Amino acid sequence: IGIACYPEHGRTLDAITARADQAMYQAKKLGRNRVECYNVAA
C-alpha cells in the first residue's frame, strides 16, 4: 500500500494518486507486504 497526503504531496487528486502509486511501487521494491508513505528523497 502506498500513502500520499494532501497538501504535502500534492494539491490535486491526480498528483496525490500518482505519488501514492509511486509509494506503492516502492513498497513492492522493498519486499512487498508493506505500507510506504511517499517520500521525495526516497
PDB file of all heavy atoms in Angstrom:
ATOM      1  N   ILE A   1       0.845  -1.194   0.000  1.00  0.00           N
ATOM      2  CA  ILE A   1       0.000   0.000   0.000  1.00  0.00           C
ATOM      3  C   ILE A   1       0.878   1.241   0.000  1.00  0.00           C
ATOM      4  O   ILE A   1       1.827   1.345   0.777  1.00  0.00           O
ATOM      5  CB  ILE A   1      -0.931   0.007   1.227  1.00  0.00           C
ATOM      6  CG1 ILE A   1      -1.828  -1.239   1.224  1.00  0.00           C
ATOM      7  CG2 ILE A   1      -1.761   1.296   1.273  1.00  0.00           C
ATOM      8  CD1 ILE A   1      -2.673  -1.403   2.470  1.00  0.00           C
ATOM      9  N   GLY A   2       0.553   2.177  -0.877  1.00  0.00           N
ATOM     10  CA  GLY A   2       1.248   3.461  -0.932  1.00  0.00           C
ATOM     11  C   GLY A   2       0.360   4.558  -0.382  1.00  0.00           C
ATOM     12  O   GLY A   2      -0.839   4.591  -0.643  1.00  0.00           O
ATOM     13  N   ILE A   3       0.969   5.450   0.387  1.00  0.00           N
ATOM     14  CA  ILE A   3       0.245   6.554   1.017  1.00  0.00           C
ATOM     15  C   ILE A   3       0.814   7.882   0.504  1.00  0.00           C
ATOM     16  O   ILE A   3       2.037   8.044   0.410  1.00  0.00           O
ATOM     17  CB  ILE A   3       0.437   6.527   2.553  1.00  0.00           C
ATOM     18  CG1 ILE A   3       0.020   5.191   3.147  1.00  0.00           C
ATOM     19  CG2 ILE A   3      -0.244   7.709   3.225  1.00  0.00           C
ATOM     20  CD1 ILE A   3      -1.453   4.995   3.264  1.00  0.00           C
ATOM     21  N   ALA A   4      -0.052   8.818   0.203  1.00  0.00           N
ATOM     22  CA  ALA A   4       0.333  10.200  -0.096  1.00  0.00           C
ATOM     23  C   ALA A   4      -0.685  11.106   0.582  1.00  0.00           C
ATOM     24  O   ALA A   4      -1.857  10.740   0.708  1.00  0.00           O
ATOM     25  CB  ALA A   4       0.363  10.452  -1.597  1.00  0.00           C
ATOM     26  N   CYS A   5      -0.232  12.256   1.029  1.00  0.00           N
ATOM     27  CA  CYS A   5      -1.083  13.151   1.829  1.00  0.00           C
ATOM     28  C   CYS A   5      -1.275  14.510   1.165  1.00  0.00           C
ATOM     29  O   CYS A   5      -0.360  15.044   0.543  1.00  0.00           O
ATOM     30  CB  CYS A   5      -0.454  13.368   3.205  1.00  0.00           C
ATOM     31  SG  CYS A   5      -0.270  11.847   4.131  1.00  0.00           S
ATOM     32  N   TYR A   6      -2.456  15.035   1.350  1.00  0.00           N
ATOM     33  CA  TYR A   6      -2.793  16.396   0.920  1.00  0.00           C
ATOM     34  C   TYR A   6      -2.507  17.340   2.081  1.00  0.00           C
ATOM     35  O   TYR A   6      -2.840  17.008   3.202  1.00  0.00           O
ATOM     36  CB  TYR A   6      -4.272  16.470   0.543  1.00  0.00           C
ATOM     37  CG  TYR A   6      -4.740  17.872   0.240  1.00  0.00           C
ATOM     38  CD1 TYR A   6      -4.631  18.369  -1.041  1.00  0.00           C
ATOM     39  CD2 TYR A   6      -5.264  18.686   1.230  1.00  0.00           C
ATOM     40  CE1 TYR A   6      -5.048  19.654  -1.328  1.00  0.00           C
ATOM     41  CE2 TYR A   6      -5.676  19.973   0.948  1.00  0.00           C
ATOM     42  CZ  TYR A   6      -5.573  20.455  -0.328  1.00  0.00           C
ATOM     43  OH  TYR A   6      -5.973  21.724  -0.609  1.00  0.00           O
ATOM     44  N   PRO A   7      -1.903  18.455   1.895  1.00  0.00           N
ATOM     45  CA  PRO A   7      -1.356  19.026   0.662  1.00  0.00           C
ATOM     46  C   PRO A   7       0.149  18.773   0.501  1.00  0.00           C
ATOM     47  O   PRO A   7       0.738  19.212  -0.473  1.00  0.00           O
ATOM     48  CB  PRO A   7      -1.613  20.515   0.838  1.00  0.00           C
ATOM     49  CG  PRO A   7      -1.436  20.735   2.313  1.00  0.00           C
ATOM     50  CD  PRO A   7      -1.949  19.455   2.955  1.00  0.00           C
ATOM     51  N   GLU A   8       0.772  18.051   1.444  1.00  0.00           N
ATOM     52  CA  GLU A   8       2.230  17.873   1.404  1.00  0.00           C
ATOM     53  C   GLU A   8       2.728  17.232   0.112  1.00  0.00           C
ATOM     54  O   GLU A   8       3.789  17.580  -0.388  1.00  0.00           O
ATOM     55  CB  GLU A   8       2.727  17.011   2.577  1.00  0.00           C
ATOM     56  CG  GLU A   8       2.410  17.556   3.947  1.00  0.00           C
ATOM     57  CD  GLU A   8       1.048  17.112   4.440  1.00  0.00           C
ATOM     58  OE1 GLU A   8       0.750  15.901   4.413  1.00  0.00           O
ATOM     59  OE2 GLU A   8       0.276  17.990   4.843  1.00  0.00           O
ATOM     60  N   HIS A   9       1.973  16.275  -0.413  1.00  0.00           N
ATOM     61  CA  HIS A   9       2.442  15.521  -1.569  1.00  0.00           C
ATOM     62  C   HIS A   9       1.727  15.894  -2.859  1.00  0.00           C
ATOM     63  O   HIS A   9       2.009  15.309  -3.899  1.00  0.00           O
ATOM     64  CB  HIS A   9       2.299  14.022  -1.300  1.00  0.00           C
ATOM     65  CG  HIS A   9       3.031  13.598  -0.076  1.00  0.00           C
ATOM     66  ND1 HIS A   9       2.461  12.805   0.893  1.00  0.00           N
ATOM     67  CD2 HIS A   9       4.273  13.894   0.366  1.00  0.00           C
ATOM     68  CE1 HIS A   9       3.336  12.613   1.870  1.00  0.00           C
ATOM     69  NE2 HIS A   9       4.441  13.263   1.574  1.00  0.00           N
ATOM     70  N   GLY A  10       0.819  16.829  -2.792  1.00  0.00           N
ATOM     71  CA  GLY A  10       0.110  17.280  -3.977  1.00  0.00           C
ATOM     72  C   GLY A  10      -1.174  17.984  -3.599  1.00  0.00           C
ATOM     73  O   GLY A  10      -1.712  17.766  -2.522  1.00  0.00           O
ATOM     74  N   ARG A  11      -1.639  18.818  -4.514  1.00  0.00           N
ATOM     75  CA  ARG A  11      -2.856  19.580  -4.253  1.00  0.00           C
ATOM     76  C   ARG A  11      -4.008  19.174  -5.151  1.00  0.00           C
ATOM     77  O   ARG A  11      -5.099  19.707  -5.033  1.00  0.00           O
ATOM     78  CB  ARG A  11      -2.581  21.071  -4.386  1.00  0.00           C
ATOM     79  CG  ARG A  11      -1.615  21.556  -3.326  1.00  0.00           C
ATOM     80  CD  ARG A  11      -1.554  23.068  -3.297  1.00  0.00           C
ATOM     81  NE  ARG A  11      -0.742  23.513  -2.193  1.00  0.00           N
ATOM     82  CZ  ARG A  11      -1.204  23.770  -0.976  1.00  0.00           C
ATOM     83  NH1 ARG A  11      -2.477  23.622  -0.713  1.00  0.00           N
ATOM     84  NH2 ARG A  11      -0.394  24.200  -0.026  1.00  0.00           N
ATOM     85  N   THR A  12      -3.747  18.217  -6.050  1.00  0.00           N
ATOM     86  CA  THR A  12      -4.826  17.717  -6.910  1.00  0.00           C
ATOM     87  C   THR A  12      -4.958  16.213  -6.703  1.00  0.00           C
ATOM     88  O   THR A  12      -4.009  15.543  -6.273  1.00  0.00           O
ATOM     89  CB  THR A  12      -4.543  17.993  -8.395  1.00  0.00           C
ATOM     90  OG1 THR A  12      -3.416  17.214  -8.812  1.00  0.00           O
ATOM     91  CG2 THR A  12      -4.294  19.481  -8.660  1.00  0.00           C
ATOM     92  N   LEU A  13      -6.113  15.693  -7.024  1.00  0.00           N
ATOM     93  CA  LEU A  13      -6.338  14.248  -6.905  1.00  0.00           C
ATOM     94  C   LEU A  13      -5.344  13.473  -7.773  1.00  0.00           C
ATOM     95  O   LEU A  13      -4.787  12.459  -7.342  1.00  0.00           O
ATOM     96  CB  LEU A  13      -7.773  13.906  -7.284  1.00  0.00           C
ATOM     97  CG  LEU A  13      -8.157  12.436  -7.181  1.00  0.00           C
ATOM     98  CD1 LEU A  13      -7.965  11.919  -5.759  1.00  0.00           C
ATOM     99  CD2 LEU A  13      -9.604  12.246  -7.622  1.00  0.00           C
ATOM    100  N   ASP A  14      -5.090  13.971  -8.978  1.00  0.00           N
ATOM    101  CA  ASP A  14      -4.147  13.290  -9.874  1.00  0.00           C
ATOM    102  C   ASP A  14      -2.741  13.250  -9.283  1.00  0.00           C
ATOM    103  O   ASP A  14      -2.061  12.225  -9.346  1.00  0.00           O
ATOM    104  CB  ASP A  14      -4.111  13.957 -11.247  1.00  0.00           C
ATOM    105  CG  ASP A  14      -5.341  13.664 -12.088  1.00  0.00           C
ATOM    106  OD1 ASP A  14      -6.082  12.706 -11.760  1.00  0.00           O
ATOM    107  OD2 ASP A  14      -5.565  14.397 -13.069  1.00  0.00           O
ATOM    108  N   ALA A  15      -2.292  14.362  -8.701  1.00  0.00           N
ATOM    109  CA  ALA A  15      -0.946  14.418  -8.110  1.00  0.00           C
ATOM    110  C   ALA A  15      -0.834  13.487  -6.909  1.00  0.00           C
ATOM    111  O   ALA A  15       0.147  12.743  -6.775  1.00  0.00           O
ATOM    112  CB  ALA A  15      -0.602  15.845  -7.706  1.00  0.00           C
ATOM    113  N   ILE A  16      -1.831  13.502  -6.050  1.00  0.00           N
ATOM    114  CA  ILE A  16      -1.794  12.646  -4.859  1.00  0.00           C
ATOM    115  C   ILE A  16      -1.859  11.176  -5.261  1.00  0.00           C
ATOM    116  O   ILE A  16      -1.123  10.342  -4.724  1.00  0.00           O
ATOM    117  CB  ILE A  16      -2.935  13.022  -3.892  1.00  0.00           C
ATOM    118  CG1 ILE A  16      -2.690  14.418  -3.332  1.00  0.00           C
ATOM    119  CG2 ILE A  16      -3.051  12.004  -2.761  1.00  0.00           C
ATOM    120  CD1 ILE A  16      -3.873  15.010  -2.616  1.00  0.00           C
ATOM    121  N   THR A  17      -2.714  10.855  -6.225  1.00  0.00           N
ATOM    122  CA  THR A  17      -2.821   9.475  -6.692  1.00  0.00           C
ATOM    123  C   THR A  17      -1.506   8.999  -7.309  1.00  0.00           C
ATOM    124  O   THR A  17      -1.060   7.876  -7.052  1.00  0.00           O
ATOM    125  CB  THR A  17      -3.972   9.341  -7.712  1.00  0.00           C
ATOM    126  OG1 THR A  17      -5.190   9.755  -7.089  1.00  0.00           O
ATOM    127  CG2 THR A  17      -4.121   7.912  -8.204  1.00  0.00           C
ATOM    128  N   ALA A  18      -0.870   9.845  -8.097  1.00  0.00           N
ATOM    129  CA  ALA A  18       0.408   9.475  -8.719  1.00  0.00           C
ATOM    130  C   ALA A  18       1.475   9.223  -7.657  1.00  0.00           C
ATOM    131  O   ALA A  18       2.247   8.263  -7.760  1.00  0.00           O
ATOM    132  CB  ALA A  18       0.860  10.573  -9.682  1.00  0.00           C
ATOM    133  N   ARG A  19       1.509  10.040  -6.630  1.00  0.00           N
ATOM    134  CA  ARG A  19       2.526   9.856  -5.587  1.00  0.00           C
ATOM    135  C   ARG A  19       2.227   8.645  -4.715  1.00  0.00           C
ATOM    136  O   ARG A  19       3.143   7.939  -4.295  1.00  0.00           O
ATOM    137  CB  ARG A  19       2.647  11.137  -4.797  1.00  0.00           C
ATOM    138  CG  ARG A  19       3.164  12.226  -5.742  1.00  0.00           C
ATOM    139  CD  ARG A  19       3.904  13.322  -5.125  1.00  0.00           C
ATOM    140  NE  ARG A  19       4.531  14.121  -6.156  1.00  0.00           N
ATOM    141  CZ  ARG A  19       4.117  15.328  -6.523  1.00  0.00           C
ATOM    142  NH1 ARG A  19       3.075  15.873  -5.942  1.00  0.00           N
ATOM    143  NH2 ARG A  19       4.767  15.983  -7.451  1.00  0.00           N
ATOM    144  N   ALA A  20       0.953   8.374  -4.453  1.00  0.00           N
ATOM    145  CA  ALA A  20       0.603   7.158  -3.716  1.00  0.00           C
ATOM    146  C   ALA A  20       0.990   5.931  -4.536  1.00  0.00           C
ATOM    147  O   ALA A  20       1.485   4.930  -3.985  1.00  0.00           O
ATOM    148  CB  ALA A  20      -0.889   7.143  -3.393  1.00  0.00           C
ATOM    149  N   ASP A  21       0.808   6.003  -5.846  1.00  0.00           N
ATOM    150  CA  ASP A  21       1.185   4.913  -6.732  1.00  0.00           C
ATOM    151  C   ASP A  21       2.705   4.695  -6.692  1.00  0.00           C
ATOM    152  O   ASP A  21       3.177   3.553  -6.615  1.00  0.00           O
ATOM    153  CB  ASP A  21       0.724   5.228  -8.155  1.00  0.00           C
ATOM    154  CG  ASP A  21       0.789   4.040  -9.083  1.00  0.00           C
ATOM    155  OD1 ASP A  21       0.254   2.974  -8.721  1.00  0.00           O
ATOM    156  OD2 ASP A  21       1.381   4.180 -10.179  1.00  0.00           O
ATOM    157  N   GLN A  22       3.472   5.782  -6.711  1.00  0.00           N
ATOM    158  CA  GLN A  22       4.932   5.672  -6.601  1.00  0.00           C
ATOM    159  C   GLN A  22       5.319   5.008  -5.274  1.00  0.00           C
ATOM    160  O   GLN A  22       6.218   4.163  -5.240  1.00  0.00           O
ATOM    161  CB  GLN A  22       5.583   7.048  -6.697  1.00  0.00           C
ATOM    162  CG  GLN A  22       5.558   7.647  -8.080  1.00  0.00           C
ATOM    163  CD  GLN A  22       6.140   9.046  -8.072  1.00  0.00           C
ATOM    164  OE1 GLN A  22       5.697   9.914  -7.332  1.00  0.00           O
ATOM    165  NE2 GLN A  22       7.137   9.257  -8.911  1.00  0.00           N
ATOM    166  N   ALA A  23       4.654   5.409  -4.206  1.00  0.00           N
ATOM    167  CA  ALA A  23       4.953   4.823  -2.890  1.00  0.00           C
ATOM    168  C   ALA A  23       4.603   3.334  -2.867  1.00  0.00           C
ATOM    169  O   ALA A  23       5.330   2.533  -2.263  1.00  0.00           O
ATOM    170  CB  ALA A  23       4.187   5.576  -1.798  1.00  0.00           C
ATOM    171  N   MET A  24       3.514   2.943  -3.530  1.00  0.00           N
ATOM    172  CA  MET A  24       3.144   1.532  -3.579  1.00  0.00           C
ATOM    173  C   MET A  24       4.214   0.719  -4.312  1.00  0.00           C
ATOM    174  O   MET A  24       4.612  -0.351  -3.856  1.00  0.00           O
ATOM    175  CB  MET A  24       1.793   1.338  -4.277  1.00  0.00           C
ATOM    176  CG  MET A  24       1.370  -0.117  -4.299  1.00  0.00           C
ATOM    177  SD  MET A  24       0.443  -0.674  -5.753  1.00  0.00           S
ATOM    178  CE  MET A  24       1.159   0.121  -7.133  1.00  0.00           C
ATOM    179  N   TYR A  25       4.716   1.237  -5.431  1.00  0.00           N
ATOM    180  CA  TYR A  25       5.761   0.513  -6.158  1.00  0.00           C
ATOM    181  C   TYR A  25       7.055   0.459  -5.346  1.00  0.00           C
ATOM    182  O   TYR A  25       7.788  -0.529  -5.412  1.00  0.00           O
ATOM    183  CB  TYR A  25       5.985   1.112  -7.549  1.00  0.00           C
ATOM    184  CG  TYR A  25       4.921   0.645  -8.505  1.00  0.00           C
ATOM    185  CD1 TYR A  25       3.911   1.491  -8.935  1.00  0.00           C
ATOM    186  CD2 TYR A  25       4.905  -0.679  -8.954  1.00  0.00           C
ATOM    187  CE1 TYR A  25       2.920   1.053  -9.791  1.00  0.00           C
ATOM    188  CE2 TYR A  25       3.914  -1.133  -9.806  1.00  0.00           C
ATOM    189  CZ  TYR A  25       2.928  -0.263 -10.219  1.00  0.00           C
ATOM    190  OH  TYR A  25       1.936  -0.711 -11.059  1.00  0.00           O
ATOM    191  N   GLN A  26       7.315   1.480  -4.547  1.00  0.00           N
ATOM    192  CA  GLN A  26       8.476   1.448  -3.646  1.00  0.00           C
ATOM    193  C   GLN A  26       8.284   0.341  -2.609  1.00  0.00           C
ATOM    194  O   GLN A  26       9.220  -0.387  -2.291  1.00  0.00           O
ATOM    195  CB  GLN A  26       8.662   2.814  -2.972  1.00  0.00           C
ATOM    196  CG  GLN A  26       9.862   2.890  -2.071  1.00  0.00           C
ATOM    197  CD  GLN A  26      11.191   2.898  -2.816  1.00  0.00           C
ATOM    198  OE1 GLN A  26      11.241   2.933  -4.043  1.00  0.00           O
ATOM    199  NE2 GLN A  26      12.268   2.853  -2.089  1.00  0.00           N
ATOM    200  N   ALA A  27       7.077   0.198  -2.088  1.00  0.00           N
ATOM    201  CA  ALA A  27       6.787  -0.872  -1.126  1.00  0.00           C
ATOM    202  C   ALA A  27       7.038  -2.235  -1.755  1.00  0.00           C
ATOM    203  O   ALA A  27       7.631  -3.122  -1.130  1.00  0.00           O
ATOM    204  CB  ALA A  27       5.338  -0.767  -0.634  1.00  0.00           C
ATOM    205  N   LYS A  28       6.615  -2.410  -2.999  1.00  0.00           N
ATOM    206  CA  LYS A  28       6.849  -3.683  -3.699  1.00  0.00           C
ATOM    207  C   LYS A  28       8.345  -3.916  -3.876  1.00  0.00           C
ATOM    208  O   LYS A  28       8.843  -5.024  -3.678  1.00  0.00           O
ATOM    209  CB  LYS A  28       6.142  -3.698  -5.044  1.00  0.00           C
ATOM    210  CG  LYS A  28       4.634  -3.776  -4.934  1.00  0.00           C
ATOM    211  CD  LYS A  28       4.009  -3.750  -6.319  1.00  0.00           C
ATOM    212  CE  LYS A  28       2.522  -3.903  -6.240  1.00  0.00           C
ATOM    213  NZ  LYS A  28       2.094  -5.214  -5.807  1.00  0.00           N
ATOM    214  N   LYS A  29       9.068  -2.868  -4.253  1.00  0.00           N
ATOM    215  CA  LYS A  29      10.511  -2.978  -4.474  1.00  0.00           C
ATOM    216  C   LYS A  29      11.246  -3.343  -3.182  1.00  0.00           C
ATOM    217  O   LYS A  29      12.238  -4.067  -3.202  1.00  0.00           O
ATOM    218  CB  LYS A  29      11.038  -1.654  -5.024  1.00  0.00           C
ATOM    219  CG  LYS A  29      12.505  -1.647  -5.336  1.00  0.00           C
ATOM    220  CD  LYS A  29      12.933  -0.319  -5.904  1.00  0.00           C
ATOM    221  CE  LYS A  29      14.416  -0.303  -6.173  1.00  0.00           C
ATOM    222  NZ  LYS A  29      14.852   0.991  -6.706  1.00  0.00           N
ATOM    223  N   LEU A  30      10.755  -2.862  -2.059  1.00  0.00           N
ATOM    224  CA  LEU A  30      11.409  -3.101  -0.769  1.00  0.00           C
ATOM    225  C   LEU A  30      11.024  -4.434  -0.140  1.00  0.00           C
ATOM    226  O   LEU A  30      11.440  -4.732   0.964  1.00  0.00           O
ATOM    227  CB  LEU A  30      11.102  -1.955   0.195  1.00  0.00           C
ATOM    228  CG  LEU A  30      11.725  -0.609  -0.196  1.00  0.00           C
ATOM    229  CD1 LEU A  30      11.221   0.495   0.717  1.00  0.00           C
ATOM    230  CD2 LEU A  30      13.243  -0.687  -0.183  1.00  0.00           C
ATOM    231  N   GLY A  31      10.219  -5.225  -0.818  1.00  0.00           N
ATOM    232  CA  GLY A  31       9.941  -6.562  -0.310  1.00  0.00           C
ATOM    233  C   GLY A  31       8.486  -6.951  -0.242  1.00  0.00           C
ATOM    234  O   GLY A  31       8.162  -8.022   0.254  1.00  0.00           O
ATOM    235  N   ARG A  32       7.594  -6.104  -0.697  1.00  0.00           N
ATOM    236  CA  ARG A  32       6.153  -6.411  -0.709  1.00  0.00           C
ATOM    237  C   ARG A  32       5.576  -6.530   0.693  1.00  0.00           C
ATOM    238  O   ARG A  32       6.292  -6.508   1.671  1.00  0.00           O
ATOM    239  CB  ARG A  32       5.873  -7.659  -1.536  1.00  0.00           C
ATOM    240  CG  ARG A  32       6.340  -7.547  -2.970  1.00  0.00           C
ATOM    241  CD  ARG A  32       6.054  -8.841  -3.729  1.00  0.00           C
ATOM    242  NE  ARG A  32       6.533  -8.742  -5.085  1.00  0.00           N
ATOM    243  CZ  ARG A  32       5.769  -8.476  -6.144  1.00  0.00           C
ATOM    244  NH1 ARG A  32       4.481  -8.301  -5.982  1.00  0.00           N
ATOM    245  NH2 ARG A  32       6.280  -8.393  -7.337  1.00  0.00           N
ATOM    246  N   ASN A  33       4.251  -6.651   0.740  1.00  0.00           N
ATOM    247  CA  ASN A  33       3.529  -6.795   2.005  1.00  0.00           C
ATOM    248  C   ASN A  33       3.940  -5.724   3.010  1.00  0.00           C
ATOM    249  O   ASN A  33       4.300  -6.001   4.141  1.00  0.00           O
ATOM    250  CB  ASN A  33       3.732  -8.203   2.591  1.00  0.00           C
ATOM    251  CG  ASN A  33       2.827  -8.428   3.787  1.00  0.00           C
ATOM    252  OD1 ASN A  33       1.684  -7.973   3.818  1.00  0.00           O
ATOM    253  ND2 ASN A  33       3.337  -9.091   4.790  1.00  0.00           N
ATOM    254  N   ARG A  34       3.885  -4.475   2.557  1.00  0.00           N
ATOM    255  CA  ARG A  34       4.253  -3.366   3.438  1.00  0.00           C
ATOM    256  C   ARG A  34       3.508  -2.100   3.036  1.00  0.00           C
ATOM    257  O   ARG A  34       2.935  -2.018   1.972  1.00  0.00           O
ATOM    258  CB  ARG A  34       5.752  -3.122   3.448  1.00  0.00           C
ATOM    259  CG  ARG A  34       6.436  -3.214   2.150  1.00  0.00           C
ATOM    260  CD  ARG A  34       7.957  -3.097   2.178  1.00  0.00           C
ATOM    261  NE  ARG A  34       8.440  -1.958   2.893  1.00  0.00           N
ATOM    262  CZ  ARG A  34       9.472  -2.009   3.736  1.00  0.00           C
ATOM    263  NH1 ARG A  34      10.098  -3.133   3.942  1.00  0.00           N
ATOM    264  NH2 ARG A  34       9.881  -0.932   4.355  1.00  0.00           N
ATOM    265  N   VAL A  35       3.568  -1.133   3.929  1.00  0.00           N
ATOM    266  CA  VAL A  35       2.978   0.185   3.699  1.00  0.00           C
ATOM    267  C   VAL A  35       4.127   1.181   3.590  1.00  0.00           C
ATOM    268  O   VAL A  35       5.026   1.183   4.423  1.00  0.00           O
ATOM    269  CB  VAL A  35       2.041   0.584   4.860  1.00  0.00           C
ATOM    270  CG1 VAL A  35       1.557   2.014   4.703  1.00  0.00           C
ATOM    271  CG2 VAL A  35       0.868  -0.377   4.959  1.00  0.00           C
ATOM    272  N   GLU A  36       4.094   2.009   2.548  1.00  0.00           N
ATOM    273  CA  GLU A  36       5.098   3.050   2.376  1.00  0.00           C
ATOM    274  C   GLU A  36       4.401   4.374   2.150  1.00  0.00           C
ATOM    275  O   GLU A  36       3.458   4.458   1.376  1.00  0.00           O
ATOM    276  CB  GLU A  36       6.007   2.756   1.173  1.00  0.00           C
ATOM    277  CG  GLU A  36       6.995   1.645   1.380  1.00  0.00           C
ATOM    278  CD  GLU A  36       8.072   1.977   2.403  1.00  0.00           C
ATOM    279  OE1 GLU A  36       8.538   3.132   2.450  1.00  0.00           O
ATOM    280  OE2 GLU A  36       8.431   1.069   3.169  1.00  0.00           O
ATOM    281  N   CYS A  37       4.887   5.383   2.828  1.00  0.00           N
ATOM    282  CA  CYS A  37       4.401   6.746   2.626  1.00  0.00           C
ATOM    283  C   CYS A  37       5.312   7.424   1.604  1.00  0.00           C
ATOM    284  O   CYS A  37       6.533   7.209   1.623  1.00  0.00           O
ATOM    285  CB  CYS A  37       4.407   7.512   3.936  1.00  0.00           C
ATOM    286  SG  CYS A  37       3.605   9.119   3.818  1.00  0.00           S
ATOM    287  N   TYR A  38       4.740   8.210   0.704  1.00  0.00           N
ATOM    288  CA  TYR A  38       5.519   8.916  -0.295  1.00  0.00           C
ATOM    289  C   TYR A  38       6.604   9.744   0.387  1.00  0.00           C
ATOM    290  O   TYR A  38       6.346  10.448   1.349  1.00  0.00           O
ATOM    291  CB  TYR A  38       4.627   9.820  -1.149  1.00  0.00           C
ATOM    292  CG  TYR A  38       5.389  10.579  -2.196  1.00  0.00           C
ATOM    293  CD1 TYR A  38       5.739   9.950  -3.385  1.00  0.00           C
ATOM    294  CD2 TYR A  38       5.774  11.889  -1.989  1.00  0.00           C
ATOM    295  CE1 TYR A  38       6.453  10.625  -4.353  1.00  0.00           C
ATOM    296  CE2 TYR A  38       6.490  12.574  -2.961  1.00  0.00           C
ATOM    297  CZ  TYR A  38       6.830  11.946  -4.131  1.00  0.00           C
ATOM    298  OH  TYR A  38       7.544  12.617  -5.087  1.00  0.00           O
ATOM    299  N   ASN A  39       7.819   9.623  -0.135  1.00  0.00           N
ATOM    300  CA  ASN A  39       8.960  10.354   0.405  1.00  0.00           C
ATOM    301  C   ASN A  39       9.764  10.841  -0.773  1.00  0.00           C
ATOM    302  O   ASN A  39      10.293  10.024  -1.540  1.00  0.00           O
ATOM    303  CB  ASN A  39       9.779   9.408   1.301  1.00  0.00           C
ATOM    304  CG  ASN A  39      11.031  10.045   1.844  1.00  0.00           C
ATOM    305  OD1 ASN A  39      11.842  10.581   1.098  1.00  0.00           O
ATOM    306  ND2 ASN A  39      11.197   9.946   3.124  1.00  0.00           N
ATOM    307  N   VAL A  40       9.867  12.147  -0.925  1.00  0.00           N
ATOM    308  CA  VAL A  40      10.524  12.727  -2.092  1.00  0.00           C
ATOM    309  C   VAL A  40      11.945  12.191  -2.235  1.00  0.00           C
ATOM    310  O   VAL A  40      12.357  11.766  -3.310  1.00  0.00           O
ATOM    311  CB  VAL A  40      10.534  14.270  -2.015  1.00  0.00           C
ATOM    312  CG1 VAL A  40      11.326  14.866  -3.162  1.00  0.00           C
ATOM    313  CG2 VAL A  40       9.115  14.808  -2.015  1.00  0.00           C
ATOM    314  N   ALA A  41      12.734  12.181  -1.162  1.00  0.00           N
ATOM    315  CA  ALA A  41      14.127  11.734  -1.232  1.00  0.00           C
ATOM    316  C   ALA A  41      14.217  10.274  -1.645  1.00  0.00           C
ATOM    317  O   ALA A  41      15.034   9.897  -2.483  1.00  0.00           O
ATOM    318  CB  ALA A  41      14.822  11.959   0.103  1.00  0.00           C
ATOM    319  N   ALA A  42      13.364   9.429  -1.069  1.00  0.00           N
ATOM    320  CA  ALA A  42      13.397   8.001  -1.397  1.00  0.00           C
ATOM    321  C   ALA A  42      12.996   7.762  -2.849  1.00  0.00           C
ATOM    322  O   ALA A  42      13.581   6.919  -3.525  1.00  0.00           O
ATOM    323  CB  ALA A  42      12.478   7.216  -0.463  1.00  0.00           C
TER     324      ALA A  42
END
